[in-house]
Full PDB file with SEQRES, HELIX, SHEET, SSBOND, CRYST1, ORIGX, SCALE, CONECT and MASTER records, all heavy atoms in Angstrom:
SEQRES   1 A   29  VAL GLN LEU VAL GLU SER GLY GLY GLY LEU VAL GLN ALA          
SEQRES   2 A   29  GLY GLY SER LEU ARG LEU SER CYS VAL VAL SER GLU SER          
SEQRES   3 A   29  ILE PHE ARG                                                  
HELIX    1 AA1 SER A   26  PHE A   28  5                                   3    
SHEET    1 AA1 2 LEU A   3  SER A   6  0                                        
SHEET    2 AA1 2 SER A  20  VAL A  23 -1                                        
CRYST1    1.000    1.000    1.000  90.00  90.00  90.00 P 1           1          
ORIGX1      1.000000  0.000000  0.000000        0.00000                         
ORIGX2      0.000000  1.000000  0.000000        0.00000                         
ORIGX3      0.000000  0.000000  1.000000        0.00000                         
SCALE1      1.000000  0.000000  0.000000        0.00000                         
SCALE2      0.000000  1.000000  0.000000        0.00000                         
SCALE3      0.000000  0.000000  1.000000        0.00000                         
ATOM      1  N   VAL A   1      14.808   7.991 -29.670  1.00  0.00           N  
ATOM      2  CA  VAL A   1      14.961   7.311 -28.394  1.00  0.00           C  
ATOM      3  C   VAL A   1      14.150   8.025 -27.330  1.00  0.00           C  
ATOM      4  O   VAL A   1      14.177   9.249 -27.227  1.00  0.00           O  
ATOM      5  CB  VAL A   1      16.445   7.270 -27.981  1.00  0.00           C  
ATOM      6  CG1 VAL A   1      16.598   6.666 -26.593  1.00  0.00           C  
ATOM      7  CG2 VAL A   1      17.257   6.481 -29.006  1.00  0.00           C  
ATOM      8  N   GLN A   2      13.442   7.253 -26.540  1.00  0.00           N  
ATOM      9  CA  GLN A   2      12.682   7.812 -25.417  1.00  0.00           C  
ATOM     10  C   GLN A   2      12.970   7.032 -24.157  1.00  0.00           C  
ATOM     11  O   GLN A   2      13.103   5.805 -24.196  1.00  0.00           O  
ATOM     12  CB  GLN A   2      11.178   7.762 -25.711  1.00  0.00           C  
ATOM     13  CG  GLN A   2      10.718   8.757 -26.765  1.00  0.00           C  
ATOM     14  CD  GLN A   2       9.211   8.790 -26.895  1.00  0.00           C  
ATOM     15  OE1 GLN A   2       8.561   7.755 -26.888  1.00  0.00           O  
ATOM     16  NE2 GLN A   2       8.646   9.982 -27.001  1.00  0.00           N  
ATOM     17  N   LEU A   3      13.089   7.766 -23.062  1.00  0.00           N  
ATOM     18  CA  LEU A   3      13.223   7.173 -21.746  1.00  0.00           C  
ATOM     19  C   LEU A   3      12.013   7.631 -20.934  1.00  0.00           C  
ATOM     20  O   LEU A   3      11.806   8.838 -20.784  1.00  0.00           O  
ATOM     21  CB  LEU A   3      14.506   7.629 -21.051  1.00  0.00           C  
ATOM     22  CG  LEU A   3      15.832   6.988 -21.470  1.00  0.00           C  
ATOM     23  CD1 LEU A   3      16.200   7.353 -22.905  1.00  0.00           C  
ATOM     24  CD2 LEU A   3      16.938   7.404 -20.525  1.00  0.00           C  
ATOM     25  N   VAL A   4      11.256   6.694 -20.414  1.00  0.00           N  
ATOM     26  CA  VAL A   4      10.030   7.030 -19.693  1.00  0.00           C  
ATOM     27  C   VAL A   4      10.109   6.496 -18.275  1.00  0.00           C  
ATOM     28  O   VAL A   4      10.142   5.277 -18.063  1.00  0.00           O  
ATOM     29  CB  VAL A   4       8.790   6.462 -20.406  1.00  0.00           C  
ATOM     30  CG1 VAL A   4       7.526   6.835 -19.646  1.00  0.00           C  
ATOM     31  CG2 VAL A   4       8.719   6.970 -21.848  1.00  0.00           C  
ATOM     32  N   GLU A   5      10.161   7.442 -17.327  1.00  0.00           N  
ATOM     33  CA  GLU A   5      10.240   7.073 -15.914  1.00  0.00           C  
ATOM     34  C   GLU A   5       8.851   6.942 -15.309  1.00  0.00           C  
ATOM     35  O   GLU A   5       7.904   7.602 -15.753  1.00  0.00           O  
ATOM     36  CB  GLU A   5      11.017   8.119 -15.107  1.00  0.00           C  
ATOM     37  CG  GLU A   5      12.441   8.359 -15.552  1.00  0.00           C  
ATOM     38  CD  GLU A   5      12.612   9.680 -16.255  1.00  0.00           C  
ATOM     39  OE1 GLU A   5      11.626  10.137 -16.872  1.00  0.00           O  
ATOM     40  OE2 GLU A   5      13.710  10.250 -16.201  1.00  0.00           O  
ATOM     41  N   SER A   6       8.767   6.136 -14.274  1.00  0.00           N  
ATOM     42  CA  SER A   6       7.532   6.024 -13.492  1.00  0.00           C  
ATOM     43  C   SER A   6       7.895   5.563 -12.088  1.00  0.00           C  
ATOM     44  O   SER A   6       9.028   5.120 -11.845  1.00  0.00           O  
ATOM     45  CB  SER A   6       6.551   5.040 -14.144  1.00  0.00           C  
ATOM     46  OG  SER A   6       7.123   3.751 -14.205  1.00  0.00           O  
ATOM     47  N   GLY A   7       6.937   5.707 -11.175  1.00  0.00           N  
ATOM     48  CA  GLY A   7       7.121   5.181  -9.833  1.00  0.00           C  
ATOM     49  C   GLY A   7       7.358   6.219  -8.763  1.00  0.00           C  
ATOM     50  O   GLY A   7       7.436   5.883  -7.577  1.00  0.00           O  
ATOM     51  N   GLY A   8       7.495   7.474  -9.148  1.00  0.00           N  
ATOM     52  CA  GLY A   8       7.683   8.506  -8.138  1.00  0.00           C  
ATOM     53  C   GLY A   8       6.411   8.751  -7.350  1.00  0.00           C  
ATOM     54  O   GLY A   8       5.351   8.211  -7.662  1.00  0.00           O  
ATOM     55  N   GLY A   9       6.540   9.575  -6.306  1.00  0.00           N  
ATOM     56  CA  GLY A   9       5.369   9.889  -5.508  1.00  0.00           C  
ATOM     57  C   GLY A   9       5.754  10.445  -4.165  1.00  0.00           C  
ATOM     58  O   GLY A   9       6.901  10.834  -3.935  1.00  0.00           O  
ATOM     59  N   LEU A  10       4.762  10.485  -3.278  1.00  0.00           N  
ATOM     60  CA  LEU A  10       4.943  10.993  -1.925  1.00  0.00           C  
ATOM     61  C   LEU A  10       5.009   9.818  -0.954  1.00  0.00           C  
ATOM     62  O   LEU A  10       4.155   8.923  -1.009  1.00  0.00           O  
ATOM     63  CB  LEU A  10       3.769  11.906  -1.566  1.00  0.00           C  
ATOM     64  CG  LEU A  10       3.702  12.415  -0.128  1.00  0.00           C  
ATOM     65  CD1 LEU A  10       4.898  13.298   0.189  1.00  0.00           C  
ATOM     66  CD2 LEU A  10       2.393  13.180   0.101  1.00  0.00           C  
ATOM     67  N   VAL A  11       6.009   9.834  -0.095  1.00  0.00           N  
ATOM     68  CA  VAL A  11       6.187   8.744   0.860  1.00  0.00           C  
ATOM     69  C   VAL A  11       6.700   9.323   2.172  1.00  0.00           C  
ATOM     70  O   VAL A  11       7.377  10.363   2.178  1.00  0.00           O  
ATOM     71  CB  VAL A  11       7.161   7.678   0.300  1.00  0.00           C  
ATOM     72  CG1 VAL A  11       8.557   8.248   0.100  1.00  0.00           C  
ATOM     73  CG2 VAL A  11       7.186   6.441   1.158  1.00  0.00           C  
ATOM     74  N   GLN A  12       6.385   8.675   3.256  1.00  0.00           N  
ATOM     75  CA  GLN A  12       6.878   9.107   4.560  1.00  0.00           C  
ATOM     76  C   GLN A  12       8.323   8.658   4.755  1.00  0.00           C  
ATOM     77  O   GLN A  12       8.762   7.660   4.169  1.00  0.00           O  
ATOM     78  CB  GLN A  12       6.008   8.538   5.676  1.00  0.00           C  
ATOM     79  CG  GLN A  12       4.637   9.182   5.773  1.00  0.00           C  
ATOM     80  CD  GLN A  12       3.885   8.731   7.014  1.00  0.00           C  
ATOM     81  OE1 GLN A  12       4.106   7.639   7.533  1.00  0.00           O  
ATOM     82  NE2 GLN A  12       2.981   9.574   7.485  1.00  0.00           N  
ATOM     83  N   ALA A  13       9.020   9.378   5.579  1.00  0.00           N  
ATOM     84  CA  ALA A  13      10.390   9.004   5.912  1.00  0.00           C  
ATOM     85  C   ALA A  13      10.426   7.577   6.436  1.00  0.00           C  
ATOM     86  O   ALA A  13       9.551   7.161   7.204  1.00  0.00           O  
ATOM     87  CB  ALA A  13      10.965   9.962   6.944  1.00  0.00           C  
ATOM     88  N   GLY A  14      11.433   6.835   5.960  1.00  0.00           N  
ATOM     89  CA  GLY A  14      11.541   5.426   6.323  1.00  0.00           C  
ATOM     90  C   GLY A  14      10.875   4.496   5.342  1.00  0.00           C  
ATOM     91  O   GLY A  14      11.071   3.270   5.404  1.00  0.00           O  
ATOM     92  N   GLY A  15      10.092   5.050   4.435  1.00  0.00           N  
ATOM     93  CA  GLY A  15       9.366   4.243   3.466  1.00  0.00           C  
ATOM     94  C   GLY A  15      10.209   3.864   2.261  1.00  0.00           C  
ATOM     95  O   GLY A  15      11.406   4.147   2.199  1.00  0.00           O  
ATOM     96  N   SER A  16       9.533   3.222   1.293  1.00  0.00           N  
ATOM     97  CA  SER A  16      10.212   2.720   0.105  1.00  0.00           C  
ATOM     98  C   SER A  16       9.451   3.115  -1.156  1.00  0.00           C  
ATOM     99  O   SER A  16       8.230   3.314  -1.126  1.00  0.00           O  
ATOM    100  CB  SER A  16      10.318   1.192   0.149  1.00  0.00           C  
ATOM    101  OG  SER A  16      11.043   0.756   1.264  1.00  0.00           O  
ATOM    102  N   LEU A  17      10.189   3.223  -2.237  1.00  0.00           N  
ATOM    103  CA  LEU A  17       9.630   3.428  -3.561  1.00  0.00           C  
ATOM    104  C   LEU A  17      10.497   2.687  -4.565  1.00  0.00           C  
ATOM    105  O   LEU A  17      11.703   2.514  -4.344  1.00  0.00           O  
ATOM    106  CB  LEU A  17       9.598   4.909  -3.941  1.00  0.00           C  
ATOM    107  CG  LEU A  17       8.504   5.812  -3.377  1.00  0.00           C  
ATOM    108  CD1 LEU A  17       8.773   7.267  -3.795  1.00  0.00           C  
ATOM    109  CD2 LEU A  17       7.127   5.376  -3.826  1.00  0.00           C  
ATOM    110  N   ARG A  18       9.893   2.293  -5.692  1.00  0.00           N  
ATOM    111  CA  ARG A  18      10.669   1.740  -6.786  1.00  0.00           C  
ATOM    112  C   ARG A  18      10.401   2.549  -8.047  1.00  0.00           C  
ATOM    113  O   ARG A  18       9.258   2.672  -8.486  1.00  0.00           O  
ATOM    114  CB  ARG A  18      10.343   0.269  -7.044  1.00  0.00           C  
ATOM    115  CG  ARG A  18      11.301  -0.363  -8.047  1.00  0.00           C  
ATOM    116  CD  ARG A  18      11.053  -1.834  -8.269  1.00  0.00           C  
ATOM    117  NE  ARG A  18       9.969  -2.081  -9.207  1.00  0.00           N  
ATOM    118  CZ  ARG A  18       9.853  -3.189  -9.929  1.00  0.00           C  
ATOM    119  NH1 ARG A  18      10.765  -4.143  -9.820  1.00  0.00           N  
ATOM    120  NH2 ARG A  18       8.836  -3.362 -10.736  1.00  0.00           N  
ATOM    121  N   LEU A  19      11.473   3.072  -8.594  1.00  0.00           N  
ATOM    122  CA  LEU A  19      11.391   3.796  -9.853  1.00  0.00           C  
ATOM    123  C   LEU A  19      11.715   2.846 -11.007  1.00  0.00           C  
ATOM    124  O   LEU A  19      12.554   1.956 -10.877  1.00  0.00           O  
ATOM    125  CB  LEU A  19      12.372   4.968  -9.876  1.00  0.00           C  
ATOM    126  CG  LEU A  19      12.278   5.965  -8.725  1.00  0.00           C  
ATOM    127  CD1 LEU A  19      13.291   7.096  -8.947  1.00  0.00           C  
ATOM    128  CD2 LEU A  19      10.884   6.505  -8.576  1.00  0.00           C  
ATOM    129  N   SER A  20      11.041   3.075 -12.120  1.00  0.00           N  
ATOM    130  CA  SER A  20      11.289   2.303 -13.335  1.00  0.00           C  
ATOM    131  C   SER A  20      11.545   3.254 -14.495  1.00  0.00           C  
ATOM    132  O   SER A  20      10.987   4.356 -14.534  1.00  0.00           O  
ATOM    133  CB  SER A  20      10.085   1.420 -13.674  1.00  0.00           C  
ATOM    134  OG  SER A  20       9.785   0.516 -12.644  1.00  0.00           O  
ATOM    135  N   CYS A  21      12.354   2.807 -15.431  1.00  0.00           N  
ATOM    136  CA  CYS A  21      12.616   3.594 -16.640  1.00  0.00           C  
ATOM    137  C   CYS A  21      12.669   2.640 -17.816  1.00  0.00           C  
ATOM    138  O   CYS A  21      13.541   1.760 -17.865  1.00  0.00           O  
ATOM    139  CB  CYS A  21      13.916   4.365 -16.502  1.00  0.00           C  
ATOM    140  SG  CYS A  21      14.448   5.207 -18.005  1.00  0.00           S  
ATOM    141  N   VAL A  22      11.756   2.832 -18.744  1.00  0.00           N  
ATOM    142  CA  VAL A  22      11.715   2.011 -19.953  1.00  0.00           C  
ATOM    143  C   VAL A  22      12.354   2.789 -21.091  1.00  0.00           C  
ATOM    144  O   VAL A  22      12.028   3.956 -21.326  1.00  0.00           O  
ATOM    145  CB  VAL A  22      10.270   1.640 -20.315  1.00  0.00           C  
ATOM    146  CG1 VAL A  22      10.247   0.780 -21.573  1.00  0.00           C  
ATOM    147  CG2 VAL A  22       9.598   0.920 -19.166  1.00  0.00           C  
ATOM    148  N   VAL A  23      13.259   2.134 -21.791  1.00  0.00           N  
ATOM    149  CA  VAL A  23      13.955   2.744 -22.926  1.00  0.00           C  
ATOM    150  C   VAL A  23      13.360   2.191 -24.212  1.00  0.00           C  
ATOM    151  O   VAL A  23      13.145   0.987 -24.338  1.00  0.00           O  
ATOM    152  CB  VAL A  23      15.464   2.458 -22.861  1.00  0.00           C  
ATOM    153  CG1 VAL A  23      16.192   3.138 -24.022  1.00  0.00           C  
ATOM    154  CG2 VAL A  23      16.030   2.925 -21.534  1.00  0.00           C  
ATOM    155  N   SER A  24      13.131   3.076 -25.169  1.00  0.00           N  
ATOM    156  CA  SER A  24      12.320   2.711 -26.327  1.00  0.00           C  
ATOM    157  C   SER A  24      13.026   1.879 -27.371  1.00  0.00           C  
ATOM    158  O   SER A  24      12.390   1.210 -28.153  1.00  0.00           O  
ATOM    159  CB  SER A  24      11.769   3.968 -26.991  1.00  0.00           C  
ATOM    160  OG  SER A  24      12.826   4.765 -27.477  1.00  0.00           O  
ATOM    161  N   GLU A  25      14.348   1.912 -27.404  1.00  0.00           N  
ATOM    162  CA  GLU A  25      15.014   1.239 -28.511  1.00  0.00           C  
ATOM    163  C   GLU A  25      16.144   0.335 -28.039  1.00  0.00           C  
ATOM    164  O   GLU A  25      16.438   0.236 -26.871  1.00  0.00           O  
ATOM    165  CB  GLU A  25      15.539   2.278 -29.508  1.00  0.00           C  
ATOM    166  CG  GLU A  25      14.444   3.025 -30.225  1.00  0.00           C  
ATOM    167  CD  GLU A  25      14.982   3.828 -31.376  1.00  0.00           C  
ATOM    168  OE1 GLU A  25      16.163   3.675 -31.713  1.00  0.00           O  
ATOM    169  OE2 GLU A  25      14.216   4.607 -31.963  1.00  0.00           O  
ATOM    170  N   SER A  26      16.792  -0.257 -29.001  1.00  0.00           N  
ATOM    171  CA  SER A  26      17.784  -1.288 -28.716  1.00  0.00           C  
ATOM    172  C   SER A  26      19.087  -0.736 -28.132  1.00  0.00           C  
ATOM    173  O   SER A  26      19.999  -1.503 -27.886  1.00  0.00           O  
ATOM    174  CB  SER A  26      18.094  -2.072 -29.980  1.00  0.00           C  
ATOM    175  OG  SER A  26      18.624  -1.211 -30.958  1.00  0.00           O  
ATOM    176  N   ILE A  27      19.181   0.576 -27.925  1.00  0.00           N  
ATOM    177  CA  ILE A  27      20.398   1.110 -27.313  1.00  0.00           C  
ATOM    178  C   ILE A  27      20.573   0.609 -25.894  1.00  0.00           C  
ATOM    179  O   ILE A  27      21.651   0.687 -25.338  1.00  0.00           O  
ATOM    180  CB  ILE A  27      20.389   2.650 -27.274  1.00  0.00           C  
ATOM    181  CG1 ILE A  27      19.247   3.149 -26.373  1.00  0.00           C  
ATOM    182  CG2 ILE A  27      20.305   3.227 -28.671  1.00  0.00           C  
ATOM    183  CD1 ILE A  27      19.425   4.582 -25.942  1.00  0.00           C  
ATOM    184  N   PHE A  28      19.499   0.107 -25.302  1.00  0.00           N  
ATOM    185  CA  PHE A  28      19.529  -0.206 -23.877  1.00  0.00           C  
ATOM    186  C   PHE A  28      20.684  -1.137 -23.528  1.00  0.00           C  
ATOM    187  O   PHE A  28      21.434  -0.878 -22.594  1.00  0.00           O  
ATOM    188  CB  PHE A  28      18.194  -0.821 -23.444  1.00  0.00           C  
ATOM    189  CG  PHE A  28      18.111  -1.122 -21.982  1.00  0.00           C  
ATOM    190  CD1 PHE A  28      17.767  -0.130 -21.086  1.00  0.00           C  
ATOM    191  CD2 PHE A  28      18.391  -2.395 -21.489  1.00  0.00           C  
ATOM    192  CE1 PHE A  28      17.694  -0.400 -19.715  1.00  0.00           C  
ATOM    193  CE2 PHE A  28      18.321  -2.670 -20.136  1.00  0.00           C  
ATOM    194  CZ  PHE A  28      17.976  -1.671 -19.249  1.00  0.00           C  
ATOM    195  N   ARG A  29      20.812  -2.223 -24.283  1.00  0.00           N  
ATOM    196  CA  ARG A  29      21.812  -3.236 -23.909  1.00  0.00           C  
ATOM    197  C   ARG A  29      23.229  -2.695 -23.982  1.00  0.00           C  
ATOM    198  O   ARG A  29      24.124  -3.210 -23.302  1.00  0.00           O  
ATOM    199  CB  ARG A  29      21.660  -4.462 -24.795  1.00  0.00           C  
ATOM    200  CG  ARG A  29      20.358  -5.210 -24.582  1.00  0.00           C  
ATOM    201  CD  ARG A  29      20.359  -6.564 -25.256  1.00  0.00           C  
ATOM    202  NE  ARG A  29      19.097  -7.258 -25.057  1.00  0.00           N  
ATOM    203  CZ  ARG A  29      18.894  -8.527 -25.368  1.00  0.00           C  
ATOM    204  NH1 ARG A  29      19.872  -9.234 -25.898  1.00  0.00           N  
ATOM    205  NH2 ARG A  29      17.728  -9.077 -25.164  1.00  0.00           N  
TER     206      ARG A  29                                                      
MASTER        0    0    0    1    2    0    0    6  205    1    0    3          
END                                                                             
């Protein structure tokens, strides 16, 4: 099983970000 995050970074206060995490196998549900 692998969990792979993405979407982090540098942002100014008041800003927005969206993080994503993809799970490799059927355990997700």
